[in-house]
Amino acid sequence: MRNAALVLGLIAGVFGMIVGFFGYGYTVAIEQWGEIEGWARQVDNVELIRAASFFAPMLCIAGGAMARARALWGGALMLLSAAGFYYAFGFTVFTMFPIGFAMLGGILAVAAGKPDEEKAHF
């Protein structure tokens, strides 16, 4: 389960980077050239989109990379990343795979059977 969480986290992070590049780029393009009546308008919270475009893929890749060594922490990061994608971008055709892969990877990492070490997680 840890290996599956690792792979899902990395795939979700790469797809999330693509979503993030377009999300960040869209806000910059509208800011630079202005809105197009009836076609393109600026989002309500520009800073939220820009922050989520950067942090959500980064959390997902970091969580996936941590999934084998620290499954609980890696799973929590992937679940936080999925929540960030959903909150900032919603569930659309472009975000369904980053959200789904990050969520599934996070659940698999948290549900990994054996504990990370002999001591408690924290």
Protein backbone atom coordinates (compact mmCIF):
# COMPACT_ATOMS: atom_id res chain seq x y z
CA MET A 1 0.00 0.00 0.00
CA ARG A 2 2.88 2.35 0.67
CA ASN A 3 4.27 1.85 -2.83
CA ALA A 4 0.86 2.51 -4.34
CA ALA A 5 0.56 5.68 -2.25
CA LEU A 6 4.00 6.79 -3.42
CA VAL A 7 3.13 6.31 -7.10
CA LEU A 8 -0.31 7.90 -6.79
CA GLY A 9 1.13 10.89 -4.94
CA LEU A 10 3.77 11.50 -7.58
CA ILE A 11 1.30 11.15 -10.46
CA ALA A 12 -1.19 13.46 -8.75
CA GLY A 13 1.57 15.98 -8.12
CA VAL A 14 2.65 16.02 -11.76
CA PHE A 15 -0.93 16.40 -13.00
CA GLY A 16 -1.44 19.01 -10.30
CA MET A 17 1.56 20.96 -11.54
CA ILE A 18 -0.09 21.19 -14.96
CA VAL A 19 -3.29 22.48 -13.36
CA GLY A 20 -1.22 24.86 -11.25
CA PHE A 21 0.68 26.26 -14.23
CA PHE A 22 -2.57 27.04 -16.03
CA GLY A 23 -4.28 28.38 -12.91
CA TYR A 24 -1.43 30.72 -12.07
CA GLY A 25 -0.91 31.68 -15.70
CA TYR A 26 -4.59 32.48 -16.17
CA THR A 27 -4.59 34.94 -13.25
CA VAL A 28 -1.44 36.60 -14.55
CA ALA A 29 -2.78 36.84 -18.12
CA ILE A 30 -6.04 38.43 -17.02
CA GLU A 31 -4.12 40.82 -14.78
CA GLN A 32 -1.76 41.73 -17.60
CA TRP A 33 -4.15 42.07 -20.55
CA GLY A 34 -7.49 42.57 -18.83
CA GLU A 35 -10.80 40.77 -18.92
CA ILE A 36 -12.55 39.79 -22.14
CA GLU A 37 -16.24 40.59 -21.93
CA GLY A 38 -18.33 37.43 -21.77
CA TRP A 39 -15.36 35.09 -22.16
CA ALA A 40 -12.62 35.54 -19.56
CA ARG A 41 -12.83 37.30 -16.24
CA GLN A 42 -10.57 37.48 -13.22
CA VAL A 43 -11.22 35.00 -10.43
CA ASP A 44 -12.63 36.24 -7.14
CA ASN A 45 -9.62 35.34 -4.99
CA VAL A 46 -6.43 35.61 -7.02
CA GLU A 47 -4.09 34.91 -4.11
CA LEU A 48 -5.94 31.68 -3.24
CA ILE A 49 -5.53 30.38 -6.80
CA ARG A 50 -1.87 31.34 -6.91
CA ALA A 51 -1.11 29.81 -3.51
CA ALA A 52 -2.98 26.59 -4.31
CA SER A 53 -1.27 26.41 -7.71
CA PHE A 54 2.07 26.29 -5.94
CA PHE A 55 1.45 24.52 -2.63
CA ALA A 56 -1.06 21.77 -3.56
CA PRO A 57 1.20 19.98 -6.10
CA MET A 58 4.20 20.44 -3.83
CA LEU A 59 2.38 18.89 -0.87
CA CYS A 60 1.25 16.00 -3.02
CA ILE A 61 4.72 15.21 -4.35
CA ALA A 62 6.24 15.55 -0.87
CA GLY A 63 3.53 13.32 0.59
CA GLY A 64 4.07 10.71 -2.07
CA ALA A 65 7.80 10.78 -1.50
CA MET A 66 7.28 10.35 2.25
CA ALA A 67 4.73 7.55 1.90
CA ARG A 68 7.21 4.68 2.24
CA ALA A 69 9.17 6.02 5.20
CA ARG A 70 6.51 8.02 7.06
CA ALA A 71 3.15 6.80 5.81
CA LEU A 72 1.01 8.79 8.25
CA TRP A 73 2.70 12.09 7.49
CA GLY A 74 2.79 11.44 3.75
CA GLY A 75 -0.87 10.45 3.73
CA ALA A 76 -1.83 13.57 5.65
CA LEU A 77 0.06 15.75 3.16
CA MET A 78 -1.65 14.08 0.21
CA LEU A 79 -5.09 14.47 1.79
CA LEU A 80 -4.31 18.13 2.52
CA SER A 81 -3.25 18.56 -1.11
CA ALA A 82 -6.50 17.02 -2.38
CA ALA A 83 -8.47 19.36 -0.12
CA GLY A 84 -6.46 22.33 -1.41
CA PHE A 85 -7.13 21.42 -5.03
CA TYR A 86 -10.83 20.97 -4.35
CA TYR A 87 -11.16 24.21 -2.36
CA ALA A 88 -9.27 26.37 -4.84
CA PHE A 89 -10.27 24.88 -8.19
CA GLY A 90 -13.36 22.77 -7.50
CA PHE A 91 -14.03 19.37 -9.03
CA THR A 92 -13.73 19.80 -12.80
CA VAL A 93 -12.55 17.71 -15.71
CA PHE A 94 -9.03 19.10 -15.20
CA THR A 95 -8.83 18.53 -11.45
CA MET A 96 -10.58 15.20 -11.05
CA PHE A 97 -7.43 13.11 -11.49
CA PRO A 98 -5.14 15.16 -9.20
CA ILE A 99 -7.86 15.20 -6.53
CA GLY A 100 -8.73 11.53 -6.95
CA PHE A 101 -5.16 10.26 -7.07
CA ALA A 102 -4.08 12.41 -4.12
CA MET A 103 -7.09 11.32 -2.07
CA LEU A 104 -6.64 7.64 -2.86
CA GLY A 105 -2.89 7.83 -2.21
CA GLY A 106 -3.51 9.60 1.09
CA ILE A 107 -6.07 7.04 2.20
CA LEU A 108 -3.77 4.16 1.25
CA ALA A 109 -0.84 5.72 3.10
CA VAL A 110 -2.85 6.37 6.25
CA ALA A 111 -4.33 2.88 6.13
CA ALA A 112 -0.93 1.19 5.67
CA GLY A 113 -0.99 -1.71 8.11
CA LYS A 114 2.29 -1.73 9.95
CA PRO A 115 3.38 1.28 11.97
CA ASP A 116 6.30 3.37 10.77
CA GLU A 117 8.41 2.53 13.80
CA GLU A 118 8.01 0.73 17.10
CA LYS A 119 7.02 3.99 18.80
CA ALA A 120 3.84 5.97 18.17
CA HIS A 121 3.41 8.09 15.05
CA PHE A 122 4.16 11.34 16.87
